[in-house]
Amino acid sequence: MGLVLLLPIDPTRLLICYDAGIYEQIDLARALSQEDIANLNHFQMLSGVEGLYSTQLDEATLAVIVDVLKEKKGSKIINVDLPGDYLLTYKEYTLPNLPLTFLREKEDIDRIPLGLPYRRQSK
């Protein structure tokens, strides 16, 4: 529920896939704000698990990356037992809030019934 996939294609294009059951329709004709771009880059650094891949970075950018990665707090491994002898294992971090102006939750999403493994229940 609430999945958002963001895939930068090049410096001017971004592929966005989102859960239309949770988020309002995105205005695709609108350009991203400078804050959106900064937050997307920030999120890329925070969510990088194995590493960041880029061209050669200058010292100032490397220093920003080190500072951003320090924002991951309370990292721990979580195990969730699922029906049918399935197990979900993931690493959890406490991350800062990084709002995106083009993505808004619908109202009353807390009324959506959920069922394991994380899918909407049919009515």
PDB file of N, CA and C in Angstrom:
ATOM      1  N   MET A   1       0.838  -1.178   0.000  1.00  0.00           N
ATOM      2  CA  MET A   1       0.000   0.000   0.000  1.00  0.00           C
ATOM      3  C   MET A   1       0.880   1.238   0.000  1.00  0.00           C
ATOM      4  N   GLY A   2       0.553   2.201  -0.845  1.00  0.00           N
ATOM      5  CA  GLY A   2       1.261   3.466  -0.860  1.00  0.00           C
ATOM      6  C   GLY A   2       2.611   3.440  -1.540  1.00  0.00           C
ATOM      7  N   LEU A   3       2.863   2.420  -2.349  1.00  0.00           N
ATOM      8  CA  LEU A   3       4.152   2.298  -3.015  1.00  0.00           C
ATOM      9  C   LEU A   3       4.375   3.436  -4.008  1.00  0.00           C
ATOM     10  N   VAL A   4       5.573   3.991  -4.004  1.00  0.00           N
ATOM     11  CA  VAL A   4       5.974   5.020  -4.960  1.00  0.00           C
ATOM     12  C   VAL A   4       7.316   4.603  -5.534  1.00  0.00           C
ATOM     13  N   LEU A   5       7.417   4.530  -6.860  1.00  0.00           N
ATOM     14  CA  LEU A   5       8.674   4.225  -7.535  1.00  0.00           C
ATOM     15  C   LEU A   5       9.114   5.452  -8.310  1.00  0.00           C
ATOM     16  N   LEU A   6      10.321   5.906  -8.061  1.00  0.00           N
ATOM     17  CA  LEU A   6      10.874   7.080  -8.729  1.00  0.00           C
ATOM     18  C   LEU A   6      12.152   6.662  -9.437  1.00  0.00           C
ATOM     19  N   LEU A   7      12.197   6.849 -10.736  1.00  0.00           N
ATOM     20  CA  LEU A   7      13.365   6.438 -11.513  1.00  0.00           C
ATOM     21  C   LEU A   7      13.835   7.603 -12.380  1.00  0.00           C
ATOM     22  N   PRO A   8      14.910   8.273 -11.971  1.00  0.00           N
ATOM     23  CA  PRO A   8      15.453   9.341 -12.826  1.00  0.00           C
ATOM     24  C   PRO A   8      15.982   8.742 -14.128  1.00  0.00           C
ATOM     25  N   ILE A   9      15.526   9.280 -15.254  1.00  0.00           N
ATOM     26  CA  ILE A   9      15.948   8.806 -16.570  1.00  0.00           C
ATOM     27  C   ILE A   9      17.180   9.581 -17.033  1.00  0.00           C
ATOM     28  N   ASP A  10      17.123  10.883 -16.871  1.00  0.00           N
ATOM     29  CA  ASP A  10      18.240  11.775 -17.177  1.00  0.00           C
ATOM     30  C   ASP A  10      18.009  13.060 -16.377  1.00  0.00           C
ATOM     31  N   PRO A  11      18.867  14.070 -16.507  1.00  0.00           N
ATOM     32  CA  PRO A  11      18.695  15.271 -15.669  1.00  0.00           C
ATOM     33  C   PRO A  11      17.373  16.020 -15.874  1.00  0.00           C
ATOM     34  N   THR A  12      16.621  15.717 -16.923  1.00  0.00           N
ATOM     35  CA  THR A  12      15.374  16.452 -17.149  1.00  0.00           C
ATOM     36  C   THR A  12      14.115  15.584 -17.098  1.00  0.00           C
ATOM     37  N   ARG A  13      14.267  14.273 -16.931  1.00  0.00           N
ATOM     38  CA  ARG A  13      13.097  13.387 -16.933  1.00  0.00           C
ATOM     39  C   ARG A  13      13.128  12.421 -15.759  1.00  0.00           C
ATOM     40  N   LEU A  14      11.922  12.170 -15.205  1.00  0.00           N
ATOM     41  CA  LEU A  14      11.769  11.291 -14.063  1.00  0.00           C
ATOM     42  C   LEU A  14      10.548  10.412 -14.301  1.00  0.00           C
ATOM     43  N   LEU A  15      10.712   9.105 -14.180  1.00  0.00           N
ATOM     44  CA  LEU A  15       9.599   8.169 -14.282  1.00  0.00           C
ATOM     45  C   LEU A  15       9.004   7.990 -12.890  1.00  0.00           C
ATOM     46  N   ILE A  16       7.679   8.206 -12.772  1.00  0.00           N
ATOM     47  CA  ILE A  16       6.999   8.107 -11.483  1.00  0.00           C
ATOM     48  C   ILE A  16       5.889   7.067 -11.588  1.00  0.00           C
ATOM     49  N   CYS A  17       5.935   6.055 -10.737  1.00  0.00           N
ATOM     50  CA  CYS A  17       4.859   5.076 -10.614  1.00  0.00           C
ATOM     51  C   CYS A  17       4.363   5.156  -9.173  1.00  0.00           C
ATOM     52  N   TYR A  18       3.036   5.196  -8.998  1.00  0.00           N
ATOM     53  CA  TYR A  18       2.517   5.369  -7.648  1.00  0.00           C
ATOM     54  C   TYR A  18       1.198   4.624  -7.488  1.00  0.00           C
ATOM     55  N   ASP A  19       0.831   4.374  -6.250  1.00  0.00           N
ATOM     56  CA  ASP A  19      -0.399   3.686  -5.905  1.00  0.00           C
ATOM     57  C   ASP A  19      -1.560   4.677  -6.022  1.00  0.00           C
ATOM     58  N   ALA A  20      -2.357   4.544  -7.093  1.00  0.00           N
ATOM     59  CA  ALA A  20      -3.467   5.468  -7.337  1.00  0.00           C
ATOM     60  C   ALA A  20      -4.590   5.294  -6.314  1.00  0.00           C
ATOM     61  N   GLY A  21      -4.562   4.204  -5.557  1.00  0.00           N
ATOM     62  CA  GLY A  21      -5.541   4.023  -4.497  1.00  0.00           C
ATOM     63  C   GLY A  21      -5.238   4.862  -3.276  1.00  0.00           C
ATOM     64  N   ILE A  22      -4.006   5.316  -3.149  1.00  0.00           N
ATOM     65  CA  ILE A  22      -3.577   6.077  -1.972  1.00  0.00           C
ATOM     66  C   ILE A  22      -3.301   7.542  -2.309  1.00  0.00           C
ATOM     67  N   TYR A  23      -2.710   7.786  -3.481  1.00  0.00           N
ATOM     68  CA  TYR A  23      -2.310   9.134  -3.847  1.00  0.00           C
ATOM     69  C   TYR A  23      -3.229   9.732  -4.905  1.00  0.00           C
ATOM     70  N   GLU A  24      -3.385  11.057  -4.836  1.00  0.00           N
ATOM     71  CA  GLU A  24      -4.154  11.764  -5.849  1.00  0.00           C
ATOM     72  C   GLU A  24      -3.406  11.702  -7.173  1.00  0.00           C
ATOM     73  N   GLN A  25      -4.120  11.947  -8.273  1.00  0.00           N
ATOM     74  CA  GLN A  25      -3.478  11.912  -9.584  1.00  0.00           C
ATOM     75  C   GLN A  25      -2.426  13.017  -9.679  1.00  0.00           C
ATOM     76  N   ILE A  26      -1.282  12.660 -10.210  1.00  0.00           N
ATOM     77  CA  ILE A  26      -0.172  13.603 -10.341  1.00  0.00           C
ATOM     78  C   ILE A  26      -0.356  14.435 -11.600  1.00  0.00           C
ATOM     79  N   ASP A  27      -0.093  15.745 -11.477  1.00  0.00           N
ATOM     80  CA  ASP A  27      -0.128  16.628 -12.642  1.00  0.00           C
ATOM     81  C   ASP A  27       1.177  16.425 -13.405  1.00  0.00           C
ATOM     82  N   LEU A  28       1.117  15.632 -14.469  1.00  0.00           N
ATOM     83  CA  LEU A  28       2.326  15.251 -15.195  1.00  0.00           C
ATOM     84  C   LEU A  28       2.937  16.385 -15.999  1.00  0.00           C
ATOM     85  N   ALA A  29       2.178  17.448 -16.219  1.00  0.00           N
ATOM     86  CA  ALA A  29       2.700  18.561 -17.004  1.00  0.00           C
ATOM     87  C   ALA A  29       3.516  19.537 -16.155  1.00  0.00           C
ATOM     88  N   ARG A  30       3.457  19.366 -14.847  1.00  0.00           N
ATOM     89  CA  ARG A  30       4.130  20.294 -13.944  1.00  0.00           C
ATOM     90  C   ARG A  30       5.598  19.943 -13.753  1.00  0.00           C
ATOM     91  N   ALA A  31       6.430  20.943 -13.719  1.00  0.00           N
ATOM     92  CA  ALA A  31       7.863  20.720 -13.478  1.00  0.00           C
ATOM     93  C   ALA A  31       8.098  20.546 -11.975  1.00  0.00           C
ATOM     94  N   LEU A  32       9.137  19.818 -11.634  1.00  0.00           N
ATOM     95  CA  LEU A  32       9.498  19.649 -10.231  1.00  0.00           C
ATOM     96  C   LEU A  32      10.081  20.947  -9.692  1.00  0.00           C
ATOM     97  N   SER A  33       9.805  21.214  -8.423  1.00  0.00           N
ATOM     98  CA  SER A  33      10.388  22.393  -7.785  1.00  0.00           C
ATOM     99  C   SER A  33      11.847  22.101  -7.415  1.00  0.00           C
ATOM    100  N   GLN A  34      12.593  23.129  -7.101  1.00  0.00           N
ATOM    101  CA  GLN A  34      13.981  22.937  -6.652  1.00  0.00           C
ATOM    102  C   GLN A  34      14.017  22.135  -5.358  1.00  0.00           C
ATOM    103  N   GLU A  35      13.003  22.347  -4.492  1.00  0.00           N
ATOM    104  CA  GLU A  35      12.926  21.580  -3.243  1.00  0.00           C
ATOM    105  C   GLU A  35      12.674  20.096  -3.531  1.00  0.00           C
ATOM    106  N   ASP A  36      11.796  19.810  -4.519  1.00  0.00           N
ATOM    107  CA  ASP A  36      11.555  18.419  -4.909  1.00  0.00           C
ATOM    108  C   ASP A  36      12.848  17.754  -5.367  1.00  0.00           C
ATOM    109  N   ILE A  37      13.605  18.436  -6.202  1.00  0.00           N
ATOM    110  CA  ILE A  37      14.854  17.886  -6.729  1.00  0.00           C
ATOM    111  C   ILE A  37      15.836  17.620  -5.592  1.00  0.00           C
ATOM    112  N   ALA A  38      15.943  18.582  -4.682  1.00  0.00           N
ATOM    113  CA  ALA A  38      16.849  18.408  -3.529  1.00  0.00           C
ATOM    114  C   ALA A  38      16.400  17.223  -2.670  1.00  0.00           C
ATOM    115  N   ASN A  39      15.092  17.106  -2.421  1.00  0.00           N
ATOM    116  CA  ASN A  39      14.596  16.008  -1.595  1.00  0.00           C
ATOM    117  C   ASN A  39      14.738  14.660  -2.286  1.00  0.00           C
ATOM    118  N   LEU A  40      14.543  14.615  -3.608  1.00  0.00           N
ATOM    119  CA  LEU A  40      14.742  13.363  -4.347  1.00  0.00           C
ATOM    120  C   LEU A  40      16.205  12.929  -4.291  1.00  0.00           C
ATOM    121  N   ASN A  41      17.121  13.869  -4.458  1.00  0.00           N
ATOM    122  CA  ASN A  41      18.543  13.544  -4.354  1.00  0.00           C
ATOM    123  C   ASN A  41      18.891  13.095  -2.935  1.00  0.00           C
ATOM    124  N   HIS A  42      18.313  13.772  -1.950  1.00  0.00           N
ATOM    125  CA  HIS A  42      18.524  13.421  -0.548  1.00  0.00           C
ATOM    126  C   HIS A  42      18.036  11.995  -0.296  1.00  0.00           C
ATOM    127  N   PHE A  43      16.835  11.686  -0.806  1.00  0.00           N
ATOM    128  CA  PHE A  43      16.275  10.352  -0.619  1.00  0.00           C
ATOM    129  C   PHE A  43      17.123   9.288  -1.304  1.00  0.00           C
ATOM    130  N   GLN A  44      17.650   9.594  -2.503  1.00  0.00           N
ATOM    131  CA  GLN A  44      18.516   8.642  -3.206  1.00  0.00           C
ATOM    132  C   GLN A  44      19.716   8.273  -2.339  1.00  0.00           C
ATOM    133  N   MET A  45      20.288   9.284  -1.685  1.00  0.00           N
ATOM    134  CA  MET A  45      21.450   9.026  -0.823  1.00  0.00           C
ATOM    135  C   MET A  45      21.051   8.195   0.392  1.00  0.00           C
ATOM    136  N   LEU A  46      19.896   8.524   0.991  1.00  0.00           N
ATOM    137  CA  LEU A  46      19.459   7.812   2.190  1.00  0.00           C
ATOM    138  C   LEU A  46      19.064   6.375   1.901  1.00  0.00           C
ATOM    139  N   SER A  47      18.457   6.145   0.741  1.00  0.00           N
ATOM    140  CA  SER A  47      17.933   4.815   0.463  1.00  0.00           C
ATOM    141  C   SER A  47      18.928   3.911  -0.259  1.00  0.00           C
ATOM    142  N   GLY A  48      20.080   4.445  -0.620  1.00  0.00           N
ATOM    143  CA  GLY A  48      21.101   3.615  -1.244  1.00  0.00           C
ATOM    144  C   GLY A  48      21.572   2.553  -0.260  1.00  0.00           C
ATOM    145  N   VAL A  49      21.397   1.290  -0.597  1.00  0.00           N
ATOM    146  CA  VAL A  49      21.770   0.222   0.327  1.00  0.00           C
ATOM    147  C   VAL A  49      23.201  -0.230   0.061  1.00  0.00           C
ATOM    148  N   GLU A  50      23.502  -0.526  -1.196  1.00  0.00           N
ATOM    149  CA  GLU A  50      24.825  -1.026  -1.545  1.00  0.00           C
ATOM    150  C   GLU A  50      25.809   0.089  -1.871  1.00  0.00           C
ATOM    151  N   GLY A  51      25.313   1.193  -2.387  1.00  0.00           N
ATOM    152  CA  GLY A  51      26.223   2.283  -2.721  1.00  0.00           C
ATOM    153  C   GLY A  51      25.581   3.257  -3.684  1.00  0.00           C
ATOM    154  N   LEU A  52      26.284   4.320  -3.928  1.00  0.00           N
ATOM    155  CA  LEU A  52      25.842   5.338  -4.878  1.00  0.00           C
ATOM    156  C   LEU A  52      26.746   5.274  -6.091  1.00  0.00           C
ATOM    157  N   TYR A  53      26.141   5.307  -7.260  1.00  0.00           N
ATOM    158  CA  TYR A  53      26.910   5.230  -8.495  1.00  0.00           C
ATOM    159  C   TYR A  53      26.815   6.557  -9.221  1.00  0.00           C
ATOM    160  N   SER A  54      27.959   7.115  -9.590  1.00  0.00           N
ATOM    161  CA  SER A  54      27.967   8.430 -10.221  1.00  0.00           C
ATOM    162  C   SER A  54      29.293   8.648 -10.933  1.00  0.00           C
ATOM    163  N   THR A  55      29.376   9.801 -11.559  1.00  0.00           N
ATOM    164  CA  THR A  55      30.661  10.231 -12.090  1.00  0.00           C
ATOM    165  C   THR A  55      31.535  10.640 -10.908  1.00  0.00           C
ATOM    166  N   GLN A  56      32.761  11.001 -11.164  1.00  0.00           N
ATOM    167  CA  GLN A  56      33.668  11.438 -10.099  1.00  0.00           C
ATOM    168  C   GLN A  56      33.074  12.635  -9.367  1.00  0.00           C
ATOM    169  N   LEU A  57      32.989  12.558  -8.035  1.00  0.00           N
ATOM    170  CA  LEU A  57      32.365  13.618  -7.249  1.00  0.00           C
ATOM    171  C   LEU A  57      33.416  14.511  -6.612  1.00  0.00           C
ATOM    172  N   ASP A  58      33.069  15.794  -6.508  1.00  0.00           N
ATOM    173  CA  ASP A  58      33.981  16.735  -5.856  1.00  0.00           C
ATOM    174  C   ASP A  58      33.876  16.584  -4.336  1.00  0.00           C
ATOM    175  N   GLU A  59      34.814  17.177  -3.621  1.00  0.00           N
ATOM    176  CA  GLU A  59      34.886  17.026  -2.160  1.00  0.00           C
ATOM    177  C   GLU A  59      33.640  17.550  -1.460  1.00  0.00           C
ATOM    178  N   ALA A  60      33.072  18.671  -1.944  1.00  0.00           N
ATOM    179  CA  ALA A  60      31.886  19.251  -1.311  1.00  0.00           C
ATOM    180  C   ALA A  60      30.700  18.287  -1.406  1.00  0.00           C
ATOM    181  N   THR A  61      30.528  17.654  -2.565  1.00  0.00           N
ATOM    182  CA  THR A  61      29.433  16.698  -2.734  1.00  0.00           C
ATOM    183  C   THR A  61      29.653  15.470  -1.868  1.00  0.00           C
ATOM    184  N   LEU A  62      30.885  14.971  -1.801  1.00  0.00           N
ATOM    185  CA  LEU A  62      31.179  13.825  -0.946  1.00  0.00           C
ATOM    186  C   LEU A  62      30.885  14.136   0.522  1.00  0.00           C
ATOM    187  N   ALA A  63      31.175  15.360   0.949  1.00  0.00           N
ATOM    188  CA  ALA A  63      30.899  15.762   2.329  1.00  0.00           C
ATOM    189  C   ALA A  63      29.397  15.775   2.597  1.00  0.00           C
ATOM    190  N   VAL A  64      28.604  16.221   1.620  1.00  0.00           N
ATOM    191  CA  VAL A  64      27.145  16.219   1.769  1.00  0.00           C
ATOM    192  C   VAL A  64      26.637  14.790   1.901  1.00  0.00           C
ATOM    193  N   ILE A  65      27.164  13.882   1.091  1.00  0.00           N
ATOM    194  CA  ILE A  65      26.735  12.482   1.153  1.00  0.00           C
ATOM    195  C   ILE A  65      27.017  11.894   2.532  1.00  0.00           C
ATOM    196  N   VAL A  66      28.188  12.144   3.065  1.00  0.00           N
ATOM    197  CA  VAL A  66      28.536  11.637   4.399  1.00  0.00           C
ATOM    198  C   VAL A  66      27.573  12.193   5.444  1.00  0.00           C
ATOM    199  N   ASP A  67      27.257  13.501   5.371  1.00  0.00           N
ATOM    200  CA  ASP A  67      26.330  14.105   6.331  1.00  0.00           C
ATOM    201  C   ASP A  67      24.935  13.516   6.210  1.00  0.00           C
ATOM    202  N   VAL A  68      24.468  13.309   4.984  1.00  0.00           N
ATOM    203  CA  VAL A  68      23.122  12.762   4.772  1.00  0.00           C
ATOM    204  C   VAL A  68      23.034  11.340   5.317  1.00  0.00           C
ATOM    205  N   LEU A  69      24.050  10.528   5.071  1.00  0.00           N
ATOM    206  CA  LEU A  69      24.009   9.142   5.534  1.00  0.00           C
ATOM    207  C   LEU A  69      23.993   9.037   7.055  1.00  0.00           C
ATOM    208  N   LYS A  70      24.488  10.051   7.733  1.00  0.00           N
ATOM    209  CA  LYS A  70      24.437  10.067   9.207  1.00  0.00           C
ATOM    210  C   LYS A  70      23.007  10.203   9.706  1.00  0.00           C
ATOM    211  N   GLU A  71      22.071  10.616   8.824  1.00  0.00           N
ATOM    212  CA  GLU A  71      20.689  10.804   9.235  1.00  0.00           C
ATOM    213  C   GLU A  71      19.947   9.482   9.421  1.00  0.00           C
ATOM    214  N   LYS A  72      20.496   8.381   8.944  1.00  0.00           N
ATOM    215  CA  LYS A  72      19.870   7.074   9.184  1.00  0.00           C
ATOM    216  C   LYS A  72      20.022   6.760  10.665  1.00  0.00           C
ATOM    217  N   LYS A  73      18.899   6.588  11.343  1.00  0.00           N
ATOM    218  CA  LYS A  73      18.932   6.368  12.792  1.00  0.00           C
ATOM    219  C   LYS A  73      18.325   5.011  13.133  1.00  0.00           C
ATOM    220  N   GLY A  74      18.831   4.419  14.175  1.00  0.00           N
ATOM    221  CA  GLY A  74      18.226   3.215  14.735  1.00  0.00           C
ATOM    222  C   GLY A  74      18.069   2.070  13.758  1.00  0.00           C
ATOM    223  N   SER A  75      19.087   1.819  12.965  1.00  0.00           N
ATOM    224  CA  SER A  75      18.983   0.749  11.981  1.00  0.00           C
ATOM    225  C   SER A  75      18.886  -0.601  12.678  1.00  0.00           C
ATOM    226  N   LYS A  76      17.918  -1.429  12.218  1.00  0.00           N
ATOM    227  CA  LYS A  76      17.753  -2.763  12.789  1.00  0.00           C
ATOM    228  C   LYS A  76      17.129  -3.683  11.746  1.00  0.00           C
ATOM    229  N   ILE A  77      17.345  -4.972  11.932  1.00  0.00           N
ATOM    230  CA  ILE A  77      16.770  -5.979  11.049  1.00  0.00           C
ATOM    231  C   ILE A  77      15.396  -6.368  11.596  1.00  0.00           C
ATOM    232  N   ILE A  78      14.387  -6.358  10.739  1.00  0.00           N
ATOM    233  CA  ILE A  78      13.015  -6.692  11.125  1.00  0.00           C
ATOM    234  C   ILE A  78      12.618  -7.994  10.436  1.00  0.00           C
ATOM    235  N   ASN A  79      12.028  -8.904  11.178  1.00  0.00           N
ATOM    236  CA  ASN A  79      11.483 -10.145  10.628  1.00  0.00           C
ATOM    237  C   ASN A  79       9.974 -10.149  10.875  1.00  0.00           C
ATOM    238  N   VAL A  80       9.200 -10.385   9.820  1.00  0.00           N
ATOM    239  CA  VAL A  80       7.745 -10.419   9.922  1.00  0.00           C
ATOM    240  C   VAL A  80       7.267 -11.777   9.436  1.00  0.00           C
ATOM    241  N   ASP A  81       6.579 -12.508  10.307  1.00  0.00           N
ATOM    242  CA  ASP A  81       5.993 -13.788   9.908  1.00  0.00           C
ATOM    243  C   ASP A  81       4.740 -13.525   9.084  1.00  0.00           C
ATOM    244  N   LEU A  82       4.658 -14.152   7.919  1.00  0.00           N
ATOM    245  CA  LEU A  82       3.512 -14.010   7.033  1.00  0.00           C
ATOM    246  C   LEU A  82       2.802 -15.361   6.922  1.00  0.00           C
ATOM    247  N   PRO A  83       1.541 -15.341   6.513  1.00  0.00           N
ATOM    248  CA  PRO A  83       0.813 -16.610   6.345  1.00  0.00           C
ATOM    249  C   PRO A  83       1.520 -17.534   5.353  1.00  0.00           C
ATOM    250  N   GLY A  84       1.332 -18.853   5.527  1.00  0.00           N
ATOM    251  CA  GLY A  84       1.907 -19.826   4.601  1.00  0.00           C
ATOM    252  C   GLY A  84       3.388 -20.043   4.788  1.00  0.00           C
ATOM    253  N   ASP A  85       3.898 -19.853   6.005  1.00  0.00           N
ATOM    254  CA  ASP A  85       5.318 -20.048   6.318  1.00  0.00           C
ATOM    255  C   ASP A  85       6.248 -19.121   5.540  1.00  0.00           C
ATOM    256  N   TYR A  86       5.753 -17.942   5.156  1.00  0.00           N
ATOM    257  CA  TYR A  86       6.614 -16.943   4.514  1.00  0.00           C
ATOM    258  C   TYR A  86       7.185 -16.025   5.577  1.00  0.00           C
ATOM    259  N   LEU A  87       8.349 -15.501   5.296  1.00  0.00           N
ATOM    260  CA  LEU A  87       9.001 -14.571   6.209  1.00  0.00           C
ATOM    261  C   LEU A  87       9.499 -13.372   5.420  1.00  0.00           C
ATOM    262  N   LEU A  88       9.181 -12.173   5.894  1.00  0.00           N
ATOM    263  CA  LEU A  88       9.681 -10.944   5.292  1.00  0.00           C
ATOM    264  C   LEU A  88      10.791 -10.416   6.186  1.00  0.00           C
ATOM    265  N   THR A  89      11.970 -10.226   5.630  1.00  0.00           N
ATOM    266  CA  THR A  89      13.109  -9.689   6.384  1.00  0.00           C
ATOM    267  C   THR A  89      13.587  -8.424   5.692  1.00  0.00           C
ATOM    268  N   TYR A  90      13.729  -7.358   6.463  1.00  0.00           N
ATOM    269  CA  TYR A  90      14.219  -6.113   5.871  1.00  0.00           C
ATOM    270  C   TYR A  90      14.962  -5.299   6.921  1.00  0.00           C
ATOM    271  N   LYS A  91      15.714  -4.335   6.455  1.00  0.00           N
ATOM    272  CA  LYS A  91      16.460  -3.450   7.345  1.00  0.00           C
ATOM    273  C   LYS A  91      15.683  -2.154   7.470  1.00  0.00           C
ATOM    274  N   GLU A  92      15.397  -1.756   8.695  1.00  0.00           N
ATOM    275  CA  GLU A  92      14.587  -0.566   8.923  1.00  0.00           C
ATOM    276  C   GLU A  92      15.456   0.578   9.444  1.00  0.00           C
ATOM    277  N   TYR A  93      15.201   1.778   8.938  1.00  0.00           N
ATOM    278  CA  TYR A  93      15.866   2.989   9.415  1.00  0.00           C
ATOM    279  C   TYR A  93      14.789   4.001   9.789  1.00  0.00           C
ATOM    280  N   THR A  94      15.130   4.885  10.672  1.00  0.00           N
ATOM    281  CA  THR A  94      14.292   6.052  10.893  1.00  0.00           C
ATOM    282  C   THR A  94      14.853   7.141   9.991  1.00  0.00           C
ATOM    283  N   LEU A  95      14.034   7.593   9.043  1.00  0.00           N
ATOM    284  CA  LEU A  95      14.494   8.573   8.062  1.00  0.00           C
ATOM    285  C   LEU A  95      13.792   9.905   8.269  1.00  0.00           C
ATOM    286  N   PRO A  96      14.425  10.991   7.886  1.00  0.00           N
ATOM    287  CA  PRO A  96      13.761  12.291   7.996  1.00  0.00           C
ATOM    288  C   PRO A  96      12.610  12.395   6.999  1.00  0.00           C
ATOM    289  N   ASN A  97      11.674  13.278   7.270  1.00  0.00           N
ATOM    290  CA  ASN A  97      10.557  13.507   6.358  1.00  0.00           C
ATOM    291  C   ASN A  97      11.050  14.304   5.159  1.00  0.00           C
ATOM    292  N   LEU A  98      10.805  13.777   3.958  1.00  0.00           N
ATOM    293  CA  LEU A  98      11.235  14.455   2.731  1.00  0.00           C
ATOM    294  C   LEU A  98      10.008  14.651   1.843  1.00  0.00           C
ATOM    295  N   PRO A  99       9.271  15.742   2.055  1.00  0.00           N
ATOM    296  CA  PRO A  99       8.031  15.945   1.300  1.00  0.00           C
ATOM    297  C   PRO A  99       8.283  16.215  -0.179  1.00  0.00           C
ATOM    298  N   LEU A 100       7.356  15.741  -1.021  1.00  0.00           N
ATOM    299  CA  LEU A 100       7.383  16.002  -2.450  1.00  0.00           C
ATOM    300  C   LEU A 100       6.110  16.750  -2.806  1.00  0.00           C
ATOM    301  N   THR A 101       6.224  17.906  -3.433  1.00  0.00           N
ATOM    302  CA  THR A 101       5.051  18.748  -3.690  1.00  0.00           C
ATOM    303  C   THR A 101       4.093  18.122  -4.689  1.00  0.00           C
ATOM    304  N   PHE A 102       4.571  17.211  -5.540  1.00  0.00           N
ATOM    305  CA  PHE A 102       3.715  16.647  -6.578  1.00  0.00           C
ATOM    306  C   PHE A 102       2.958  15.401  -6.112  1.00  0.00           C
ATOM    307  N   LEU A 103       3.168  14.950  -4.890  1.00  0.00           N
ATOM    308  CA  LEU A 103       2.564  13.716  -4.398  1.00  0.00           C
ATOM    309  C   LEU A 103       1.735  14.022  -3.154  1.00  0.00           C
ATOM    310  N   ARG A 104       0.421  13.825  -3.242  1.00  0.00           N
ATOM    311  CA  ARG A 104      -0.459  14.081  -2.105  1.00  0.00           C
ATOM    312  C   ARG A 104      -1.320  12.853  -1.827  1.00  0.00           C
ATOM    313  N   GLU A 105      -1.427  12.502  -0.541  1.00  0.00           N
ATOM    314  CA  GLU A 105      -2.287  11.391  -0.159  1.00  0.00           C
ATOM    315  C   GLU A 105      -3.744  11.787  -0.311  1.00  0.00           C
ATOM    316  N   LYS A 106      -4.577  10.817  -0.685  1.00  0.00           N
ATOM    317  CA  LYS A 106      -6.012  11.035  -0.716  1.00  0.00           C
ATOM    318  C   LYS A 106      -6.524  11.134   0.714  1.00  0.00           C
ATOM    319  N   GLU A 107      -7.684  11.743   0.868  1.00  0.00           N
ATOM    320  CA  GLU A 107      -8.284  11.813   2.198  1.00  0.00           C
ATOM    321  C   GLU A 107      -8.884  10.451   2.557  1.00  0.00           C
ATOM    322  N   ASP A 108      -8.998  10.180   3.836  1.00  0.00           N
ATOM    323  CA  ASP A 108      -9.615   8.966   4.367  1.00  0.00           C
ATOM    324  C   ASP A 108      -8.915   7.678   3.955  1.00  0.00           C
ATOM    325  N   ILE A 109      -7.583   7.705   3.761  1.00  0.00           N
ATOM    326  CA  ILE A 109      -6.897   6.459   3.401  1.00  0.00           C
ATOM    327  C   ILE A 109      -6.836   5.492   4.574  1.00  0.00           C
ATOM    328  N   ASP A 110      -7.067   5.996   5.792  1.00  0.00           N
ATOM    329  CA  ASP A 110      -7.044   5.101   6.943  1.00  0.00           C
ATOM    330  C   ASP A 110      -8.242   4.152   6.957  1.00  0.00           C
ATOM    331  N   ARG A 111      -9.210   4.372   6.080  1.00  0.00           N
ATOM    332  CA  ARG A 111     -10.386   3.493   5.994  1.00  0.00           C
ATOM    333  C   ARG A 111     -10.176   2.323   5.031  1.00  0.00           C
ATOM    334  N   ILE A 112      -9.059   2.291   4.326  1.00  0.00           N
ATOM    335  CA  ILE A 112      -8.814   1.221   3.357  1.00  0.00           C
ATOM    336  C   ILE A 112      -8.448  -0.056   4.111  1.00  0.00           C
ATOM    337  N   PRO A 113      -9.224  -1.126   3.936  1.00  0.00           N
ATOM    338  CA  PRO A 113      -8.903  -2.376   4.643  1.00  0.00           C
ATOM    339  C   PRO A 113      -7.697  -3.058   3.993  1.00  0.00           C
ATOM    340  N   LEU A 114      -6.800  -3.547   4.817  1.00  0.00           N
ATOM    341  CA  LEU A 114      -5.602  -4.218   4.315  1.00  0.00           C
ATOM    342  C   LEU A 114      -5.590  -5.664   4.774  1.00  0.00           C
ATOM    343  N   GLY A 115      -4.955  -6.495   4.004  1.00  0.00           N
ATOM    344  CA  GLY A 115      -4.761  -7.882   4.387  1.00  0.00           C
ATOM    345  C   GLY A 115      -3.360  -8.319   4.006  1.00  0.00           C
ATOM    346  N   LEU A 116      -2.787  -9.220   4.777  1.00  0.00           N
ATOM    347  CA  LEU A 116      -1.451  -9.718   4.459  1.00  0.00           C
ATOM    348  C   LEU A 116      -1.509 -10.575   3.219  1.00  0.00           C
ATOM    349  N   PRO A 117      -0.484 -10.649   2.401  1.00  0.00           N
ATOM    350  CA  PRO A 117       0.725  -9.846   2.559  1.00  0.00           C
ATOM    351  C   PRO A 117       0.614  -8.491   1.864  1.00  0.00           C
ATOM    352  N   TYR A 118       0.133  -7.510   2.592  1.00  0.00           N
ATOM    353  CA  TYR A 118       0.109  -6.114   2.178  1.00  0.00           C
ATOM    354  C   TYR A 118      -0.607  -5.884   0.856  1.00  0.00           C
ATOM    355  N   ARG A 119      -1.835  -6.317   0.773  1.00  0.00           N
ATOM    356  CA  ARG A 119      -2.635  -6.040  -0.408  1.00  0.00           C
ATOM    357  C   ARG A 119      -4.020  -5.636   0.062  1.00  0.00           C
ATOM    358  N   ARG A 120      -4.732  -4.916  -0.762  1.00  0.00           N
ATOM    359  CA  ARG A 120      -6.084  -4.526  -0.410  1.00  0.00           C
ATOM    360  C   ARG A 120      -6.985  -5.758  -0.438  1.00  0.00           C
ATOM    361  N   GLN A 121      -7.869  -5.834   0.530  1.00  0.00           N
ATOM    362  CA  GLN A 121      -8.819  -6.941   0.564  1.00  0.00           C
ATOM    363  C   GLN A 121      -9.932  -6.655  -0.443  1.00  0.00           C
ATOM    364  N   SER A 122     -10.387  -7.682  -1.118  1.00  0.00           N
ATOM    365  CA  SER A 122     -11.509  -7.494  -2.046  1.00  0.00           C
ATOM    366  C   SER A 122     -12.786  -7.352  -1.233  1.00  0.00           C
ATOM    367  N   LYS A 123     -13.691  -6.543  -1.749  1.00  0.00           N
ATOM    368  CA  LYS A 123     -14.947  -6.281  -1.023  1.00  0.00           C
ATOM    369  C   LYS A 123     -15.978  -7.309  -1.346  1.00  0.00           C
TER     370      LYS A 123
END
